[in-house]
């Protein structure tokens, strides 16, 4: 899932971020800029959305696909 640049960007190069994976306390993000590719974990509310925009949507999608939430 791509993070809206208004909500957050790569801490290294300010490029766009993709959320690759998540669990109950963190989300793994990676810079979509091929020249950077920085990969790191952030808190579930790292983008100041109260966990609603990104984390909750990812949990709902995972549950809809029939997987248990982490």
PDB file of N, CA and C in Angstrom:
ATOM      1  N   UNK A   1       0.847  -1.158   0.000  1.00  0.00           N
ATOM      2  CA  UNK A   1       0.000   0.000   0.000  1.00  0.00           C
ATOM      3  C   UNK A   1       0.903   1.235   0.000  1.00  0.00           C
ATOM      4  N   UNK A   2       0.615   2.168  -0.871  1.00  0.00           N
ATOM      5  CA  UNK A   2       1.393   3.408  -0.959  1.00  0.00           C
ATOM      6  C   UNK A   2       0.893   4.415   0.076  1.00  0.00           C
ATOM      7  N   UNK A   3       1.816   5.048   0.762  1.00  0.00           N
ATOM      8  CA  UNK A   3       1.501   6.086   1.741  1.00  0.00           C
ATOM      9  C   UNK A   3       1.349   7.408   0.988  1.00  0.00           C
ATOM     10  N   UNK A   4       0.291   8.131   1.293  1.00  0.00           N
ATOM     11  CA  UNK A   4       0.089   9.444   0.699  1.00  0.00           C
ATOM     12  C   UNK A   4       1.258  10.336   1.119  1.00  0.00           C
ATOM     13  N   UNK A   5       1.920  10.989   0.167  1.00  0.00           N
ATOM     14  CA  UNK A   5       3.061  11.848   0.521  1.00  0.00           C
ATOM     15  C   UNK A   5       2.717  12.959   1.512  1.00  0.00           C
ATOM     16  N   UNK A   6       1.451  13.333   1.602  1.00  0.00           N
ATOM     17  CA  UNK A   6       1.044  14.329   2.596  1.00  0.00           C
ATOM     18  C   UNK A   6       1.136  13.754   4.003  1.00  0.00           C
ATOM     19  N   UNK A   7       1.059  12.419   4.110  1.00  0.00           N
ATOM     20  CA  UNK A   7       1.099  11.756   5.413  1.00  0.00           C
ATOM     21  C   UNK A   7       2.506  11.349   5.836  1.00  0.00           C
ATOM     22  N   UNK A   8       3.350  11.007   4.876  1.00  0.00           N
ATOM     23  CA  UNK A   8       4.705  10.581   5.214  1.00  0.00           C
ATOM     24  C   UNK A   8       5.529  10.266   3.984  1.00  0.00           C
ATOM     25  N   UNK A   9       6.821  10.483   4.103  1.00  0.00           N
ATOM     26  CA  UNK A   9       7.771  10.205   3.026  1.00  0.00           C
ATOM     27  C   UNK A   9       9.001   9.528   3.625  1.00  0.00           C
ATOM     28  N   UNK A  10       9.844   9.016   2.787  1.00  0.00           N
ATOM     29  CA  UNK A  10      11.067   8.346   3.217  1.00  0.00           C
ATOM     30  C   UNK A  10      11.916   9.295   4.057  1.00  0.00           C
ATOM     31  N   UNK A  11      12.383   8.801   5.181  1.00  0.00           N
ATOM     32  CA  UNK A  11      13.194   9.638   6.071  1.00  0.00           C
ATOM     33  C   UNK A  11      14.588   9.892   5.506  1.00  0.00           C
ATOM     34  N   UNK A  12      15.002   9.088   4.524  1.00  0.00           N
ATOM     35  CA  UNK A  12      16.336   9.268   3.944  1.00  0.00           C
ATOM     36  C   UNK A  12      16.349  10.215   2.752  1.00  0.00           C
ATOM     37  N   UNK A  13      15.381  10.028   1.824  1.00  0.00           N
ATOM     38  CA  UNK A  13      15.430  10.804   0.582  1.00  0.00           C
ATOM     39  C   UNK A  13      14.161  11.600   0.298  1.00  0.00           C
ATOM     40  N   UNK A  14      13.173  11.480   1.175  1.00  0.00           N
ATOM     41  CA  UNK A  14      11.878  12.161   1.024  1.00  0.00           C
ATOM     42  C   UNK A  14      11.060  11.606  -0.139  1.00  0.00           C
ATOM     43  N   UNK A  15      11.381  10.393  -0.596  1.00  0.00           N
ATOM     44  CA  UNK A  15      10.627   9.732  -1.663  1.00  0.00           C
ATOM     45  C   UNK A  15       9.367   9.065  -1.135  1.00  0.00           C
ATOM     46  N   UNK A  16       8.558   8.493  -2.031  1.00  0.00           N
ATOM     47  CA  UNK A  16       7.320   7.836  -1.620  1.00  0.00           C
ATOM     48  C   UNK A  16       7.592   6.539  -0.861  1.00  0.00           C
ATOM     49  N   UNK A  17       6.662   6.209   0.047  1.00  0.00           N
ATOM     50  CA  UNK A  17       6.785   5.001   0.863  1.00  0.00           C
ATOM     51  C   UNK A  17       5.706   3.981   0.506  1.00  0.00           C
ATOM     52  N   UNK A  18       6.072   2.721   0.526  1.00  0.00           N
ATOM     53  CA  UNK A  18       5.137   1.615   0.394  1.00  0.00           C
ATOM     54  C   UNK A  18       5.149   0.823   1.696  1.00  0.00           C
ATOM     55  N   UNK A  19       3.959   0.460   2.190  1.00  0.00           N
ATOM     56  CA  UNK A  19       3.864  -0.402   3.360  1.00  0.00           C
ATOM     57  C   UNK A  19       3.919  -1.833   2.865  1.00  0.00           C
ATOM     58  N   UNK A  20       4.933  -2.575   3.305  1.00  0.00           N
ATOM     59  CA  UNK A  20       5.140  -3.938   2.829  1.00  0.00           C
ATOM     60  C   UNK A  20       4.499  -4.981   3.722  1.00  0.00           C
ATOM     61  N   UNK A  21       4.514  -4.749   5.031  1.00  0.00           N
ATOM     62  CA  UNK A  21       3.986  -5.720   5.980  1.00  0.00           C
ATOM     63  C   UNK A  21       3.655  -4.992   7.273  1.00  0.00           C
ATOM     64  N   UNK A  22       2.939  -5.672   8.162  1.00  0.00           N
ATOM     65  CA  UNK A  22       2.572  -5.056   9.433  1.00  0.00           C
ATOM     66  C   UNK A  22       2.275  -6.143  10.449  1.00  0.00           C
ATOM     67  N   UNK A  23       2.309  -5.744  11.707  1.00  0.00           N
ATOM     68  CA  UNK A  23       1.830  -6.594  12.791  1.00  0.00           C
ATOM     69  C   UNK A  23       1.117  -5.679  13.775  1.00  0.00           C
ATOM     70  N   UNK A  24       0.840  -6.167  14.962  1.00  0.00           N
ATOM     71  CA  UNK A  24       0.041  -5.372  15.894  1.00  0.00           C
ATOM     72  C   UNK A  24       0.760  -4.156  16.467  1.00  0.00           C
ATOM     73  N   UNK A  25       2.057  -4.036  16.278  1.00  0.00           N
ATOM     74  CA  UNK A  25       2.750  -2.874  16.850  1.00  0.00           C
ATOM     75  C   UNK A  25       3.615  -2.106  15.852  1.00  0.00           C
ATOM     76  N   UNK A  26       3.742  -2.581  14.622  1.00  0.00           N
ATOM     77  CA  UNK A  26       4.583  -1.856  13.665  1.00  0.00           C
ATOM     78  C   UNK A  26       4.176  -2.149  12.227  1.00  0.00           C
ATOM     79  N   UNK A  27       4.643  -1.282  11.347  1.00  0.00           N
ATOM     80  CA  UNK A  27       4.479  -1.481   9.912  1.00  0.00           C
ATOM     81  C   UNK A  27       5.867  -1.382   9.278  1.00  0.00           C
ATOM     82  N   UNK A  28       6.132  -2.248   8.333  1.00  0.00           N
ATOM     83  CA  UNK A  28       7.394  -2.210   7.621  1.00  0.00           C
ATOM     84  C   UNK A  28       7.180  -1.418   6.341  1.00  0.00           C
ATOM     85  N   UNK A  29       7.967  -0.369   6.159  1.00  0.00           N
ATOM     86  CA  UNK A  29       7.849   0.478   4.975  1.00  0.00           C
ATOM     87  C   UNK A  29       9.148   0.441   4.179  1.00  0.00           C
ATOM     88  N   UNK A  30       8.997   0.679   2.880  1.00  0.00           N
ATOM     89  CA  UNK A  30      10.164   0.736   2.004  1.00  0.00           C
ATOM     90  C   UNK A  30       9.997   1.907   1.059  1.00  0.00           C
ATOM     91  N   UNK A  31      11.097   2.613   0.834  1.00  0.00           N
ATOM     92  CA  UNK A  31      11.088   3.733  -0.104  1.00  0.00           C
ATOM     93  C   UNK A  31      10.886   3.180  -1.512  1.00  0.00           C
ATOM     94  N   UNK A  32       9.963   3.792  -2.251  1.00  0.00           N
ATOM     95  CA  UNK A  32       9.674   3.361  -3.621  1.00  0.00           C
ATOM     96  C   UNK A  32      10.661   3.948  -4.624  1.00  0.00           C
ATOM     97  N   UNK A  33      11.536   4.818  -4.165  1.00  0.00           N
ATOM     98  CA  UNK A  33      12.563   5.396  -5.024  1.00  0.00           C
ATOM     99  C   UNK A  33      13.667   4.355  -5.214  1.00  0.00           C
ATOM    100  N   UNK A  34      13.834   3.860  -6.438  1.00  0.00           N
ATOM    101  CA  UNK A  34      14.825   2.808  -6.711  1.00  0.00           C
ATOM    102  C   UNK A  34      16.237   3.201  -6.305  1.00  0.00           C
ATOM    103  N   UNK A  35      16.558   4.471  -6.366  1.00  0.00           N
ATOM    104  CA  UNK A  35      17.900   4.923  -5.997  1.00  0.00           C
ATOM    105  C   UNK A  35      18.126   4.854  -4.492  1.00  0.00           C
ATOM    106  N   UNK A  36      17.043   4.811  -3.724  1.00  0.00           N
ATOM    107  CA  UNK A  36      17.164   4.778  -2.266  1.00  0.00           C
ATOM    108  C   UNK A  36      16.842   3.375  -1.738  1.00  0.00           C
ATOM    109  N   UNK A  37      15.566   3.000  -1.795  1.00  0.00           N
ATOM    110  CA  UNK A  37      15.151   1.679  -1.332  1.00  0.00           C
ATOM    111  C   UNK A  37      15.259   1.442   0.158  1.00  0.00           C
ATOM    112  N   UNK A  38      15.404   2.514   0.954  1.00  0.00           N
ATOM    113  CA  UNK A  38      15.515   2.365   2.408  1.00  0.00           C
ATOM    114  C   UNK A  38      14.312   1.585   2.928  1.00  0.00           C
ATOM    115  N   UNK A  39      14.539   0.711   3.899  1.00  0.00           N
ATOM    116  CA  UNK A  39      13.507  -0.155   4.449  1.00  0.00           C
ATOM    117  C   UNK A  39      13.612  -0.097   5.965  1.00  0.00           C
ATOM    118  N   UNK A  40      12.497   0.195   6.638  1.00  0.00           N
ATOM    119  CA  UNK A  40      12.526   0.302   8.093  1.00  0.00           C
ATOM    120  C   UNK A  40      11.130   0.117   8.656  1.00  0.00           C
ATOM    121  N   UNK A  41      11.053  -0.094   9.957  1.00  0.00           N
ATOM    122  CA  UNK A  41       9.783  -0.252  10.656  1.00  0.00           C
ATOM    123  C   UNK A  41       9.367   1.082  11.274  1.00  0.00           C
ATOM    124  N   UNK A  42       8.055   1.313  11.265  1.00  0.00           N
ATOM    125  CA  UNK A  42       7.474   2.488  11.909  1.00  0.00           C
ATOM    126  C   UNK A  42       6.324   2.028  12.798  1.00  0.00           C
ATOM    127  N   UNK A  43       5.906   2.862  13.727  1.00  0.00           N
ATOM    128  CA  UNK A  43       4.758   2.550  14.566  1.00  0.00           C
ATOM    129  C   UNK A  43       3.489   2.541  13.717  1.00  0.00           C
ATOM    130  N   UNK A  44       2.452   1.866  14.197  1.00  0.00           N
ATOM    131  CA  UNK A  44       1.204   1.773  13.441  1.00  0.00           C
ATOM    132  C   UNK A  44       0.538   3.132  13.237  1.00  0.00           C
ATOM    133  N   UNK A  45       0.852   4.111  14.080  1.00  0.00           N
ATOM    134  CA  UNK A  45       0.303   5.455  13.939  1.00  0.00           C
ATOM    135  C   UNK A  45       1.378   6.450  13.488  1.00  0.00           C
ATOM    136  N   UNK A  46       2.348   5.986  12.764  1.00  0.00           N
ATOM    137  CA  UNK A  46       3.460   6.840  12.345  1.00  0.00           C
ATOM    138  C   UNK A  46       3.025   7.988  11.441  1.00  0.00           C
ATOM    139  N   UNK A  47       1.874   7.843  10.794  1.00  0.00           N
ATOM    140  CA  UNK A  47       1.444   8.850   9.829  1.00  0.00           C
ATOM    141  C   UNK A  47       0.355   9.768  10.382  1.00  0.00           C
ATOM    142  N   UNK A  48       0.171   9.728  11.712  1.00  0.00           N
ATOM    143  CA  UNK A  48      -0.731  10.652  12.382  1.00  0.00           C
ATOM    144  C   UNK A  48      -2.194  10.475  12.025  1.00  0.00           C
ATOM    145  N   UNK A  49      -2.582   9.266  11.667  1.00  0.00           N
ATOM    146  CA  UNK A  49      -3.961   9.018  11.233  1.00  0.00           C
ATOM    147  C   UNK A  49      -4.778   8.243  12.257  1.00  0.00           C
ATOM    148  N   UNK A  50      -4.251   8.066  13.448  1.00  0.00           N
ATOM    149  CA  UNK A  50      -4.955   7.305  14.473  1.00  0.00           C
ATOM    150  C   UNK A  50      -5.141   5.852  14.089  1.00  0.00           C
ATOM    151  N   UNK A  51      -4.250   5.342  13.270  1.00  0.00           N
ATOM    152  CA  UNK A  51      -4.269   3.950  12.773  1.00  0.00           C
ATOM    153  C   UNK A  51      -5.431   3.666  11.837  1.00  0.00           C
ATOM    154  N   UNK A  52      -6.182   4.663  11.409  1.00  0.00           N
ATOM    155  CA  UNK A  52      -7.384   4.434  10.608  1.00  0.00           C
ATOM    156  C   UNK A  52      -7.085   4.295   9.116  1.00  0.00           C
ATOM    157  N   UNK A  53      -6.319   5.178   8.557  1.00  0.00           N
ATOM    158  CA  UNK A  53      -6.113   5.195   7.112  1.00  0.00           C
ATOM    159  C   UNK A  53      -5.307   4.007   6.613  1.00  0.00           C
ATOM    160  N   UNK A  54      -4.247   3.658   7.292  1.00  0.00           N
ATOM    161  CA  UNK A  54      -3.356   2.617   6.793  1.00  0.00           C
ATOM    162  C   UNK A  54      -3.490   1.310   7.574  1.00  0.00           C
ATOM    163  N   UNK A  55      -3.228   1.342   8.865  1.00  0.00           N
ATOM    164  CA  UNK A  55      -3.217   0.116   9.656  1.00  0.00           C
ATOM    165  C   UNK A  55      -4.580  -0.578   9.634  1.00  0.00           C
ATOM    166  N   UNK A  56      -5.650   0.133   9.943  1.00  0.00           N
ATOM    167  CA  UNK A  56      -6.969  -0.477   9.991  1.00  0.00           C
ATOM    168  C   UNK A  56      -7.353  -1.051   8.636  1.00  0.00           C
ATOM    169  N   UNK A  57      -7.063  -0.335   7.574  1.00  0.00           N
ATOM    170  CA  UNK A  57      -7.379  -0.827   6.225  1.00  0.00           C
ATOM    171  C   UNK A  57      -6.593  -2.102   5.915  1.00  0.00           C
ATOM    172  N   UNK A  58      -5.331  -2.157   6.294  1.00  0.00           N
ATOM    173  CA  UNK A  58      -4.529  -3.357   6.061  1.00  0.00           C
ATOM    174  C   UNK A  58      -5.059  -4.547   6.863  1.00  0.00           C
ATOM    175  N   UNK A  59      -5.442  -4.316   8.117  1.00  0.00           N
ATOM    176  CA  UNK A  59      -6.010  -5.379   8.948  1.00  0.00           C
ATOM    177  C   UNK A  59      -7.312  -5.878   8.320  1.00  0.00           C
ATOM    178  N   UNK A  60      -8.176  -4.951   7.907  1.00  0.00           N
ATOM    179  CA  UNK A  60      -9.452  -5.329   7.302  1.00  0.00           C
ATOM    180  C   UNK A  60      -9.238  -6.133   6.024  1.00  0.00           C
ATOM    181  N   UNK A  61      -8.300  -5.727   5.182  1.00  0.00           N
ATOM    182  CA  UNK A  61      -8.014  -6.457   3.949  1.00  0.00           C
ATOM    183  C   UNK A  61      -7.512  -7.861   4.255  1.00  0.00           C
ATOM    184  N   UNK A  62      -6.636  -7.980   5.240  1.00  0.00           N
ATOM    185  CA  UNK A  62      -6.095  -9.284   5.599  1.00  0.00           C
ATOM    186  C   UNK A  62      -7.209 -10.199   6.121  1.00  0.00           C
ATOM    187  N   UNK A  63      -8.078  -9.648   6.952  1.00  0.00           N
ATOM    188  CA  UNK A  63      -9.177 -10.447   7.487  1.00  0.00           C
ATOM    189  C   UNK A  63     -10.162 -10.839   6.377  1.00  0.00           C
ATOM    190  N   UNK A  64     -10.407  -9.944   5.453  1.00  0.00           N
ATOM    191  CA  UNK A  64     -11.301 -10.224   4.334  1.00  0.00           C
ATOM    192  C   UNK A  64     -10.751 -11.350   3.444  1.00  0.00           C
ATOM    193  N   UNK A  65      -9.436 -11.419   3.362  1.00  0.00           N
ATOM    194  CA  UNK A  65      -8.791 -12.467   2.560  1.00  0.00           C
ATOM    195  C   UNK A  65      -8.771 -13.800   3.294  1.00  0.00           C
ATOM    196  N   UNK A  66      -9.272 -13.810   4.537  1.00  0.00           N
ATOM    197  CA  UNK A  66      -9.346 -15.055   5.286  1.00  0.00           C
ATOM    198  C   UNK A  66      -8.139 -15.362   6.143  1.00  0.00           C
ATOM    199  N   UNK A  67      -7.281 -14.388   6.344  1.00  0.00           N
ATOM    200  CA  UNK A  67      -6.112 -14.577   7.196  1.00  0.00           C
ATOM    201  C   UNK A  67      -6.396 -13.982   8.558  1.00  0.00           C
ATOM    202  N   UNK A  68      -5.823 -14.562   9.580  1.00  0.00           N
ATOM    203  CA  UNK A  68      -5.945 -13.979  10.924  1.00  0.00           C
ATOM    204  C   UNK A  68      -5.096 -12.730  10.986  1.00  0.00           C
ATOM    205  N   UNK A  69      -5.577 -11.737  11.686  1.00  0.00           N
ATOM    206  CA  UNK A  69      -4.779 -10.535  11.922  1.00  0.00           C
ATOM    207  C   UNK A  69      -3.660 -10.895  12.880  1.00  0.00           C
ATOM    208  N   UNK A  70      -2.488 -10.307  12.652  1.00  0.00           N
ATOM    209  CA  UNK A  70      -1.326 -10.580  13.508  1.00  0.00           C
ATOM    210  C   UNK A  70      -1.508 -10.033  14.880  1.00  0.00           C
TER     211      UNK A  70
END
